[in-house]
Amino acid sequence: MNNTLPTSIVIFGASGDLTQRKLVPSLFNLFRKGRMPKKFRIVGSGNTAFSEDQFHARLADGMKQFASFKYSEEEWKNFASNLTYQQGRYTDLADFKKLGGILDKWDGGTGNRIYYMATPPDIFPNIIDLLGLSGQLRENGGWRRVVIEKPFGIDLASAQSLNAQIHKTLTENQIYRIDHYLGKETVQNILVTRFANTIFEPLWNRNYIDHVEITVAEQVGVEHRAGYYDTIGVVRDMLQNHLLQLVSLVAMEPPSSFEASALRNEKVKVLSSIQPVKQENILNNTVLAQYKGYRAEEGVKADSTTPTYAALRLQIDNWRWQGVPFYLRSGKQLAQKLSQITIEFKEPPHLLFPTAQGRITPNMLVLYLQPDEGIHWRFEAKVPDTAADMRSVDMEFHYADSFGKTAIPESYERLLLDALAGDASLFTRADEVETAWALIDPIIETWDAQKQPLPEYKSGDWGPAEADKLLSRDGRSWSNWDGRVG
């Protein structure tokens, strides 16, 4: 539809942290780059009683704290002239009709509109229902899109229920389920690395790859999110969405085009091909743990069995990946803040060189998603002035070196731009969400049934010893290259 029409971006939960830290800085940077619609307005909606000046002042303070780019006061002034605030209750149809009337007055009722759910997830269905009842989702010349933050449900049943609820009011092509991980430049570069470089794709299969590791590690603990996190845990917070999204991008077949439906079809095929872990094997293929001191955190139950660390062994049951294990791990208070994908290749089938002493270090491709964004390729080279001694050497690409330290935009910036353009490629579809929950639900249920304290690990370690055993039983170990991981 026509992006030259006036465009309203309505943010529900505009008084919250996400709006101040991520959404407004991202929208402002798009404005600075000339990527916003010609005529736009950003309407903050929330329960908090803000005057217009108070709302502007809060967002200006957020820019000073959280913006990753430099800007002038004149730029901010020009952008802020498009910001307004409307107090309203998320349960009151009259307040929604008032909001709709304000938008109609500004755009004539025929403009484009994005409604962004920056609220707790249990409020999503009610807001969408009231948007529908107040007539705000009818497309009358302009488009209507709703952006929904994760988590999308807390299990398969709740995700299915939420999908059913919002589909009563919205069509699937109006729904943009956001996973900020997919907005990262380095995550999008997974597809470019695979499909734009002919040296990789012929090797990207069971014939050459021994195993794949995906690590998303945090140094911080639960901090101010303790009360919320204790009801969710790392499996729901990270594995069900972020890590399975990375699995789908690494393992998918080449789509017929970069169009949203083609790309998302291939991702769903991968998730559907993952072997469900049989209940009797779940405890042997998964590890859950807590960092020491977690149960003493303010807001955490004293007897909590909520995991802050998870490791998982997956198998993809298709032609390309048969027999290649995928090892996933994520946790809090680990040794480094690190997100990376490690592709370890098989050893040569024959030891030609006598100095190899039984084995040759396998080649390794590492995609560093953050914080040292780039790609590393490890291969073997002969040590000079020896008969045939070998040593691993490294070829490196760093985004900061090639494109500049400020080249990588905030992930929300890309996702908001795509939502404005109507490109759903980096947003998750209903069947994708439900397929992921179907894989994760049995794991959560099996561990919940144990009703025993979880293993603990020290803050600053790479997790519990049980996670090392998960790989050692297969004759493998977590990659440990240049001290980046352990």
Protein backbone atom coordinates (compact mmCIF):
# COMPACT_ATOMS: atom_id res chain seq x y z
CA MET A 1 0.00 0.00 0.00
CA ASN A 2 0.93 3.66 -0.38
CA ASN A 3 3.72 4.79 1.97
CA THR A 4 3.21 8.41 0.84
CA LEU A 5 0.06 8.55 2.97
CA PRO A 6 0.33 10.08 6.46
CA THR A 7 1.56 7.40 8.85
CA SER A 8 0.77 7.07 12.56
CA ILE A 9 2.94 4.95 14.84
CA VAL A 10 1.02 4.28 18.05
CA ILE A 11 3.11 2.85 20.90
CA PHE A 12 1.12 1.23 23.70
CA GLY A 13 3.22 1.19 26.86
CA ALA A 14 4.96 4.40 25.82
CA SER A 15 5.86 5.29 29.40
CA GLY A 16 7.90 2.10 29.72
CA ASP A 17 11.54 1.18 29.39
CA LEU A 18 11.42 -0.28 25.86
CA THR A 19 10.08 2.93 24.34
CA GLN A 20 12.73 5.09 26.01
CA ARG A 21 15.68 2.75 25.42
CA LYS A 22 14.99 1.27 21.99
CA LEU A 23 11.94 2.39 20.06
CA VAL A 24 12.27 6.17 20.07
CA PRO A 25 16.08 6.17 19.53
CA SER A 26 15.56 3.79 16.58
CA LEU A 27 12.76 5.87 15.07
CA PHE A 28 14.82 9.03 15.56
CA ASN A 29 17.81 7.52 13.77
CA LEU A 30 15.56 6.47 10.86
CA PHE A 31 14.34 10.07 10.74
CA ARG A 32 17.93 11.36 10.65
CA LYS A 33 18.67 9.01 7.74
CA GLY A 34 15.62 10.18 5.81
CA ARG A 35 13.90 6.78 6.03
CA MET A 36 10.68 7.74 7.79
CA PRO A 37 7.49 8.45 5.82
CA LYS A 38 7.19 12.01 4.51
CA LYS A 39 4.38 12.75 6.95
CA PHE A 40 4.35 10.83 10.20
CA ARG A 41 3.37 11.11 13.82
CA ILE A 42 4.35 8.99 16.81
CA VAL A 43 1.61 8.71 19.42
CA GLY A 44 2.57 7.40 22.84
CA SER A 45 -0.28 5.73 24.73
CA GLY A 46 -0.16 4.63 28.35
CA ASN A 47 -1.77 4.66 31.78
CA THR A 48 0.73 7.18 33.14
CA ALA A 49 -0.51 10.77 33.40
CA PHE A 50 2.11 12.60 31.31
CA SER A 51 1.79 16.10 29.97
CA GLU A 52 3.18 16.59 26.46
CA ASP A 53 6.23 18.38 27.91
CA GLN A 54 6.85 15.61 30.46
CA PHE A 55 6.66 12.96 27.75
CA HIS A 56 9.10 14.86 25.54
CA ALA A 57 11.47 15.41 28.47
CA ARG A 58 11.46 11.70 29.37
CA LEU A 59 12.28 10.70 25.81
CA ALA A 60 14.99 13.38 25.53
CA ASP A 61 16.59 12.00 28.71
CA GLY A 62 16.44 8.52 27.18
CA MET A 63 18.23 9.75 24.08
CA LYS A 64 21.06 11.16 26.17
CA GLN A 65 21.42 7.87 28.08
CA PHE A 66 20.85 5.25 25.42
CA ALA A 67 21.47 6.63 21.92
CA SER A 68 24.45 5.00 20.21
CA PHE A 69 24.86 7.85 17.72
CA LYS A 70 25.60 11.57 17.85
CA TYR A 71 22.91 14.08 16.95
CA SER A 72 22.25 17.80 17.15
CA GLU A 73 19.62 19.56 19.25
CA GLU A 74 18.09 20.86 16.04
CA GLU A 75 17.65 17.31 14.73
CA TRP A 76 15.98 16.22 17.95
CA LYS A 77 13.73 19.29 17.96
CA ASN A 78 12.57 18.55 14.42
CA PHE A 79 11.89 14.91 15.26
CA ALA A 80 10.20 15.66 18.59
CA SER A 81 7.67 17.90 16.83
CA ASN A 82 6.14 14.61 15.59
CA LEU A 83 5.80 13.15 19.09
CA THR A 84 2.61 13.32 21.10
CA TYR A 85 1.12 11.51 24.10
CA GLN A 86 -2.38 10.28 24.84
CA GLN A 87 -3.25 8.87 28.25
CA GLY A 88 -5.60 5.92 28.13
CA ARG A 89 -6.58 2.70 29.89
CA TYR A 90 -6.01 -0.60 28.12
CA THR A 91 -9.42 -1.88 29.25
CA ASP A 92 -11.62 1.10 28.33
CA LEU A 93 -13.37 1.14 24.95
CA ALA A 94 -14.14 4.83 25.37
CA ASP A 95 -10.41 5.62 25.63
CA PHE A 96 -9.75 3.65 22.44
CA LYS A 97 -12.54 5.45 20.60
CA LYS A 98 -11.00 8.73 21.75
CA LEU A 99 -7.59 7.63 20.43
CA GLY A 100 -9.18 6.59 17.13
CA GLY A 101 -10.89 9.97 16.82
CA ILE A 102 -7.59 11.79 17.34
CA LEU A 103 -5.91 9.68 14.63
CA ASP A 104 -8.85 10.14 12.25
CA LYS A 105 -8.69 13.89 12.70
CA TRP A 106 -4.99 13.90 11.82
CA ASP A 107 -4.97 11.51 8.84
CA GLY A 108 -8.58 11.76 7.66
CA GLY A 109 -9.17 8.12 8.60
CA THR A 110 -7.36 6.89 5.49
CA GLY A 111 -3.74 7.03 6.63
CA ASN A 112 -1.34 4.19 7.40
CA ARG A 113 -1.07 3.01 11.01
CA ILE A 114 1.27 0.83 13.05
CA TYR A 115 0.21 -0.19 16.55
CA TYR A 116 3.18 -1.33 18.63
CA MET A 117 2.59 -3.51 21.71
CA ALA A 118 5.30 -2.42 24.17
CA THR A 119 3.23 -3.72 27.09
CA PRO A 120 3.23 -6.89 29.21
CA PRO A 121 2.12 -9.80 27.01
CA ASP A 122 -1.05 -10.55 28.95
CA ILE A 123 -2.43 -7.19 27.77
CA PHE A 124 -1.90 -7.84 24.03
CA PRO A 125 -5.25 -9.57 23.33
CA ASN A 126 -7.28 -6.93 25.15
CA ILE A 127 -5.64 -4.06 23.29
CA ILE A 128 -6.16 -5.78 19.92
CA ASP A 129 -9.82 -6.52 20.75
CA LEU A 130 -10.45 -2.88 21.65
CA LEU A 131 -8.63 -1.65 18.55
CA GLY A 132 -11.01 -3.81 16.54
CA LEU A 133 -14.13 -2.75 18.44
CA SER A 134 -13.20 0.92 18.06
CA GLY A 135 -12.83 0.46 14.28
CA GLN A 136 -9.14 1.27 14.16
CA LEU A 137 -8.05 -1.87 12.32
CA ARG A 138 -10.27 -1.42 9.27
CA GLU A 139 -8.14 -0.70 6.21
CA ASN A 140 -9.72 2.19 4.35
CA GLY A 141 -7.08 3.31 1.88
CA GLY A 142 -4.17 2.99 4.29
CA TRP A 143 -2.77 -0.18 5.84
CA ARG A 144 -3.05 -1.32 9.47
CA ARG A 145 -0.24 -3.34 11.11
CA VAL A 146 0.26 -4.56 14.67
CA VAL A 147 3.73 -5.26 16.07
CA ILE A 148 3.77 -7.71 18.96
CA GLU A 149 6.75 -8.13 21.28
CA LYS A 150 7.88 -11.49 22.63
CA PRO A 151 7.13 -13.63 24.52
CA PHE A 152 4.34 -14.88 22.28
CA GLY A 153 2.75 -17.21 24.79
CA ILE A 154 4.43 -19.20 27.55
CA ASP A 155 3.75 -22.62 26.02
CA LEU A 156 2.08 -24.16 22.97
CA ALA A 157 -1.45 -23.92 24.36
CA SER A 158 -1.15 -20.23 25.23
CA ALA A 159 0.50 -19.43 21.88
CA GLN A 160 -2.31 -21.18 20.02
CA SER A 161 -4.89 -19.36 22.13
CA LEU A 162 -3.22 -16.00 21.51
CA ASN A 163 -3.03 -16.67 17.76
CA ALA A 164 -6.72 -17.61 17.71
CA GLN A 165 -7.65 -14.46 19.64
CA ILE A 166 -5.78 -12.01 17.44
CA HIS A 167 -6.83 -13.76 14.22
CA LYS A 168 -10.42 -12.86 15.09
CA THR A 169 -9.50 -9.23 14.52
CA LEU A 170 -6.39 -9.30 12.31
CA THR A 171 -5.27 -11.20 9.24
CA GLU A 172 -1.88 -12.88 9.43
CA ASN A 173 -0.30 -10.36 7.04
CA GLN A 174 -1.20 -7.55 9.47
CA ILE A 175 0.65 -9.21 12.37
CA TYR A 176 4.35 -8.58 12.95
CA ARG A 177 5.66 -10.75 15.79
CA ILE A 178 8.99 -9.20 16.64
CA ASP A 179 12.13 -11.03 17.75
CA HIS A 180 14.81 -8.37 18.04
CA TYR A 181 17.51 -11.00 17.40
CA LEU A 182 16.41 -11.23 13.78
CA GLY A 183 17.02 -7.51 13.38
CA LYS A 184 20.73 -7.82 14.11
CA GLU A 185 22.92 -7.20 11.08
CA THR A 186 25.10 -10.16 11.98
CA VAL A 187 22.10 -12.51 12.14
CA GLN A 188 20.96 -11.35 8.70
CA ASN A 189 24.53 -11.90 7.50
CA ILE A 190 24.11 -15.64 8.15
CA LEU A 191 22.07 -15.87 4.95
CA VAL A 192 24.51 -13.72 2.97
CA THR A 193 27.46 -15.82 4.18
CA ARG A 194 25.72 -19.00 3.10
CA PHE A 195 23.99 -18.06 -0.12
CA ALA A 196 26.20 -15.31 -1.60
CA ASN A 197 29.48 -17.22 -1.26
CA THR A 198 29.88 -20.37 -3.31
CA ILE A 199 32.78 -21.58 -1.16
CA PHE A 200 30.45 -22.33 1.76
CA GLU A 201 27.17 -23.72 0.46
CA PRO A 202 28.66 -26.92 -1.14
CA LEU A 203 30.17 -27.77 2.28
CA TRP A 204 27.05 -26.91 4.29
CA ASN A 205 25.83 -30.45 4.93
CA ARG A 206 26.38 -33.74 6.74
CA ASN A 207 29.24 -34.77 4.44
CA TYR A 208 31.57 -32.07 5.74
CA ILE A 209 30.16 -30.65 8.99
CA ASP A 210 30.72 -32.56 12.22
CA HIS A 211 28.49 -30.46 14.49
CA VAL A 212 27.09 -26.99 15.07
CA GLU A 213 27.22 -24.99 18.31
CA ILE A 214 25.08 -21.95 19.09
CA THR A 215 25.98 -19.93 22.19
CA VAL A 216 24.13 -16.90 23.53
CA ALA A 217 25.78 -15.94 26.80
CA GLU A 218 25.16 -13.04 29.18
CA GLN A 219 27.41 -11.78 31.95
CA VAL A 220 24.59 -10.06 33.83
CA GLY A 221 22.15 -11.75 36.19
CA VAL A 222 18.40 -11.18 36.31
CA GLU A 223 18.80 -7.65 37.75
CA HIS A 224 15.53 -5.66 37.86
CA ARG A 225 13.67 -8.39 35.91
CA ALA A 226 13.86 -10.96 38.71
CA GLY A 227 10.13 -11.09 39.45
CA TYR A 228 9.25 -11.55 35.80
CA TYR A 229 12.19 -13.81 34.94
CA ASP A 230 11.38 -16.25 37.74
CA THR A 231 8.09 -17.04 35.99
CA ILE A 232 9.75 -17.51 32.59
CA GLY A 233 13.33 -18.83 32.82
CA VAL A 234 15.99 -19.21 30.17
CA VAL A 235 14.23 -21.91 28.13
CA ARG A 236 11.19 -19.73 27.42
CA ASP A 237 13.16 -16.48 27.35
CA MET A 238 15.96 -17.57 25.00
CA LEU A 239 15.78 -21.11 23.59
CA GLN A 240 12.20 -21.10 22.30
CA ASN A 241 12.74 -17.98 20.24
CA HIS A 242 16.27 -16.57 19.79
CA LEU A 243 18.24 -19.82 19.59
CA LEU A 244 15.71 -21.75 17.52
CA GLN A 245 15.56 -18.78 15.15
CA LEU A 246 19.34 -19.06 14.72
CA VAL A 247 19.04 -22.81 14.13
CA SER A 248 16.51 -22.19 11.37
CA LEU A 249 18.76 -19.66 9.61
CA VAL A 250 21.82 -21.90 9.81
CA ALA A 251 20.00 -25.04 8.69
CA MET A 252 17.38 -23.84 6.19
CA GLU A 253 17.38 -24.67 2.50
CA PRO A 254 17.90 -21.83 0.01
CA PRO A 255 14.55 -20.04 -0.41
CA SER A 256 13.25 -19.46 -3.92
CA SER A 257 13.44 -15.71 -3.27
CA PHE A 258 14.07 -13.27 -0.44
CA GLU A 259 10.35 -12.56 -0.28
CA ALA A 260 8.86 -12.98 3.21
CA SER A 261 6.68 -16.05 2.61
CA ALA A 262 9.45 -17.98 0.82
CA LEU A 263 11.96 -17.25 3.58
CA ARG A 264 9.56 -18.09 6.39
CA ASN A 265 8.41 -21.28 4.67
CA GLU A 266 11.98 -22.61 4.74
CA LYS A 267 12.42 -21.67 8.39
CA VAL A 268 9.27 -23.55 9.35
CA LYS A 269 10.47 -26.60 7.37
CA VAL A 270 13.64 -26.69 9.48
CA LEU A 271 11.76 -26.43 12.78
CA SER A 272 9.35 -29.14 11.61
CA SER A 273 12.32 -31.38 10.76
CA ILE A 274 13.88 -31.20 14.23
CA GLN A 275 13.43 -34.55 15.94
CA PRO A 276 11.26 -34.11 19.03
CA VAL A 277 13.29 -35.36 21.96
CA LYS A 278 11.53 -38.43 23.33
CA GLN A 279 10.44 -38.01 26.93
CA GLU A 280 12.68 -40.83 28.15
CA ASN A 281 15.69 -39.12 26.51
CA ILE A 282 15.02 -35.51 27.51
CA LEU A 283 17.17 -35.55 30.65
CA ASN A 284 20.08 -37.03 28.67
CA ASN A 285 19.83 -34.42 25.92
CA THR A 286 19.22 -31.30 27.99
CA VAL A 287 20.88 -29.54 30.91
CA LEU A 288 19.20 -26.91 33.10
CA ALA A 289 20.94 -25.08 35.94
CA GLN A 290 20.94 -21.94 38.12
CA TYR A 291 23.77 -19.59 38.94
CA LYS A 292 24.75 -19.63 42.59
CA GLY A 293 22.88 -16.96 44.50
CA TYR A 294 19.94 -16.82 42.09
CA ARG A 295 17.40 -17.84 44.74
CA ALA A 296 18.65 -15.02 46.99
CA GLU A 297 17.85 -12.39 44.34
CA GLU A 298 15.10 -9.95 45.28
CA GLY A 299 11.86 -11.08 43.65
CA VAL A 300 12.94 -14.73 43.26
CA LYS A 301 11.21 -17.47 45.23
CA ALA A 302 13.43 -19.07 47.87
CA ASP A 303 12.69 -22.56 46.48
CA SER A 304 12.71 -21.55 42.80
CA THR A 305 13.53 -24.20 40.21
CA THR A 306 13.57 -21.66 37.36
CA PRO A 307 16.66 -22.27 35.17
CA THR A 308 19.08 -19.46 34.35
CA TYR A 309 21.17 -21.78 32.13
CA ALA A 310 20.14 -24.29 29.49
CA ALA A 311 22.00 -26.55 27.08
CA LEU A 312 20.26 -28.69 24.49
CA ARG A 313 21.24 -31.30 21.92
CA LEU A 314 19.09 -31.33 18.77
CA GLN A 315 19.00 -33.48 15.62
CA ILE A 316 17.50 -32.34 12.33
CA ASP A 317 15.89 -35.24 10.52
CA ASN A 318 16.40 -34.33 6.88
CA TRP A 319 18.73 -35.08 3.98
CA ARG A 320 21.15 -32.21 4.57
CA TRP A 321 21.65 -32.57 8.33
CA GLN A 322 21.12 -36.25 9.12
CA GLY A 323 23.51 -37.25 11.90
CA VAL A 324 24.85 -33.73 12.58
CA PRO A 325 24.10 -32.67 16.17
CA PHE A 326 23.21 -29.06 16.98
CA TYR A 327 24.28 -28.01 20.48
CA LEU A 328 22.54 -24.95 21.92
CA ARG A 329 23.35 -23.14 25.14
CA SER A 330 22.37 -19.92 26.84
CA GLY A 331 22.66 -18.55 30.33
CA LYS A 332 23.10 -15.63 32.67
CA GLN A 333 26.17 -14.68 34.73
CA LEU A 334 28.48 -16.55 32.39
CA ALA A 335 32.12 -15.77 31.63
CA GLN A 336 31.47 -13.38 28.72
CA LYS A 337 28.72 -11.52 26.93
CA LEU A 338 28.82 -13.46 23.70
CA SER A 339 26.59 -14.63 20.87
CA GLN A 340 28.14 -16.86 18.26
CA ILE A 341 27.55 -19.78 15.92
CA THR A 342 30.35 -22.32 15.52
CA ILE A 343 30.45 -24.65 12.53
CA GLU A 344 33.02 -27.38 13.17
CA PHE A 345 33.99 -29.40 10.13
CA LYS A 346 35.01 -33.05 10.04
CA GLU A 347 38.61 -34.11 10.26
CA PRO A 348 40.35 -35.24 7.05
CA PRO A 349 39.61 -38.90 6.34
CA HIS A 350 43.29 -39.83 6.09
CA LEU A 351 46.26 -38.60 8.17
CA LEU A 352 48.77 -37.86 5.46
CA PHE A 353 51.27 -35.96 7.64
CA PRO A 354 53.38 -37.95 10.14
CA THR A 355 53.54 -35.10 12.66
CA ALA A 356 49.77 -35.06 13.09
CA GLN A 357 50.13 -37.64 15.89
CA GLY A 358 46.77 -39.29 15.49
CA ARG A 359 44.56 -36.36 14.52
CA ILE A 360 44.38 -33.00 12.78
CA THR A 361 42.61 -30.03 14.33
CA PRO A 362 39.35 -29.65 12.37
CA ASN A 363 38.52 -26.54 10.41
CA MET A 364 36.10 -24.17 12.08
CA LEU A 365 33.90 -21.33 10.90
CA VAL A 366 32.66 -18.98 13.62
CA LEU A 367 29.99 -16.36 13.06
CA TYR A 368 30.35 -13.77 15.82
CA LEU A 369 26.98 -12.09 16.31
CA GLN A 370 28.06 -9.89 19.23
CA PRO A 371 29.95 -8.16 20.69
CA ASP A 372 32.97 -8.63 18.37
CA GLU A 373 30.83 -8.80 15.24
CA GLY A 374 32.45 -10.66 12.37
CA ILE A 375 33.48 -14.02 10.93
CA HIS A 376 36.51 -16.17 11.73
CA TRP A 377 37.76 -19.08 9.64
CA ARG A 378 40.24 -21.49 11.20
CA PHE A 379 42.36 -23.76 9.05
CA GLU A 380 45.68 -25.57 9.27
CA ALA A 381 49.01 -24.24 7.99
CA LYS A 382 52.53 -25.64 7.95
CA VAL A 383 54.89 -24.18 10.54
CA PRO A 384 57.93 -22.73 8.72
CA ASP A 385 61.26 -24.55 8.98
CA THR A 386 59.72 -27.86 10.09
CA ALA A 387 59.27 -31.15 8.28
CA ALA A 388 55.47 -31.05 8.37
CA ASP A 389 54.42 -29.49 11.67
CA MET A 390 51.05 -27.80 11.54
CA ARG A 391 49.38 -25.01 13.45
CA SER A 392 45.88 -23.58 13.36
CA VAL A 393 45.70 -20.11 11.85
CA ASP A 394 42.84 -17.68 11.61
CA MET A 395 41.37 -15.53 8.88
CA GLU A 396 39.22 -12.75 10.34
CA PHE A 397 36.60 -10.30 9.21
CA HIS A 398 35.40 -7.63 11.64
CA TYR A 399 32.51 -5.30 10.88
CA ALA A 400 34.22 -2.46 12.74
CA ASP A 401 37.38 -2.77 10.63
CA SER A 402 35.60 -3.03 7.28
CA PHE A 403 32.61 -0.74 7.76
CA GLY A 404 33.45 1.45 10.77
CA LYS A 405 32.66 1.16 14.46
CA THR A 406 29.26 2.82 14.12
CA ALA A 407 28.14 0.92 11.03
CA ILE A 408 25.85 -1.56 12.79
CA PRO A 409 22.46 -0.03 13.63
CA GLU A 410 20.25 -1.01 16.53
CA SER A 411 18.25 -4.13 15.64
CA TYR A 412 14.94 -2.38 16.36
CA GLU A 413 15.83 0.21 13.73
CA ARG A 414 15.86 -2.41 10.97
CA LEU A 415 12.69 -4.09 12.23
CA LEU A 416 10.74 -0.86 12.52
CA LEU A 417 11.81 0.10 9.00
CA ASP A 418 10.66 -3.29 7.70
CA ALA A 419 7.30 -2.96 9.49
CA LEU A 420 6.81 0.44 7.85
CA ALA A 421 7.69 -1.05 4.46
CA GLY A 422 5.47 -4.10 4.95
CA ASP A 423 8.37 -6.56 4.74
CA ALA A 424 7.66 -9.41 7.18
CA SER A 425 10.79 -11.44 6.34
CA LEU A 426 12.37 -10.89 9.77
CA PHE A 427 9.16 -11.38 11.74
CA THR A 428 7.84 -14.73 12.92
CA ARG A 429 4.69 -16.32 11.54
CA ALA A 430 1.98 -18.09 13.56
CA ASP A 431 2.95 -21.60 12.50
CA GLU A 432 6.63 -20.85 13.21
CA VAL A 433 5.84 -19.81 16.78
CA GLU A 434 3.67 -22.84 17.42
CA THR A 435 6.17 -25.30 15.92
CA ALA A 436 8.90 -23.92 18.19
CA TRP A 437 6.71 -24.26 21.28
CA ALA A 438 5.83 -27.84 20.32
CA LEU A 439 9.55 -28.67 20.49
CA ILE A 440 10.17 -26.88 23.78
CA ASP A 441 7.05 -27.79 25.78
CA PRO A 442 8.02 -31.43 26.52
CA ILE A 443 11.43 -30.29 27.80
CA ILE A 444 9.89 -27.81 30.22
CA GLU A 445 7.26 -30.30 31.37
CA THR A 446 9.80 -33.07 31.99
CA TRP A 447 12.09 -30.85 34.05
CA ASP A 448 9.17 -29.35 35.98
CA ALA A 449 8.10 -32.88 36.92
CA GLN A 450 11.48 -33.53 38.58
CA LYS A 451 10.64 -31.18 41.47
CA GLN A 452 14.28 -31.14 42.53
CA PRO A 453 16.82 -28.33 42.94
CA LEU A 454 18.71 -27.63 39.74
CA PRO A 455 22.49 -28.01 39.46
CA GLU A 456 24.35 -24.78 40.20
CA TYR A 457 27.26 -23.04 38.50
CA LYS A 458 29.53 -20.27 39.65
CA SER A 459 29.11 -16.78 38.27
CA GLY A 460 31.83 -16.17 35.69
CA ASP A 461 32.00 -19.83 34.61
CA TRP A 462 30.63 -21.27 31.35
CA GLY A 463 27.89 -23.20 33.09
CA PRO A 464 27.63 -26.48 35.01
CA ALA A 465 29.80 -29.56 34.52
CA GLU A 466 26.73 -31.38 33.25
CA ALA A 467 26.82 -29.23 30.10
CA ASP A 468 30.35 -30.44 29.34
CA LYS A 469 29.21 -34.04 29.78
CA LEU A 470 26.39 -33.44 27.26
CA LEU A 471 29.07 -33.13 24.57
CA SER A 472 31.69 -35.45 26.02
CA ARG A 473 29.28 -38.38 25.74
CA ASP A 474 29.43 -37.76 21.98
CA GLY A 475 33.23 -37.50 22.01
CA ARG A 476 33.07 -33.70 21.59
CA SER A 477 33.60 -30.56 23.65
CA TRP A 478 32.44 -26.97 23.53
CA SER A 479 34.66 -24.91 21.26
CA ASN A 480 37.51 -23.11 22.96
CA TRP A 481 39.21 -20.88 20.45
CA ASP A 482 41.32 -17.84 21.34
CA GLY A 483 39.78 -17.85 24.80
CA ARG A 484 36.47 -16.61 23.43
CA VAL A 485 34.45 -19.55 24.63
CA GLY A 486 34.96 -22.42 26.97
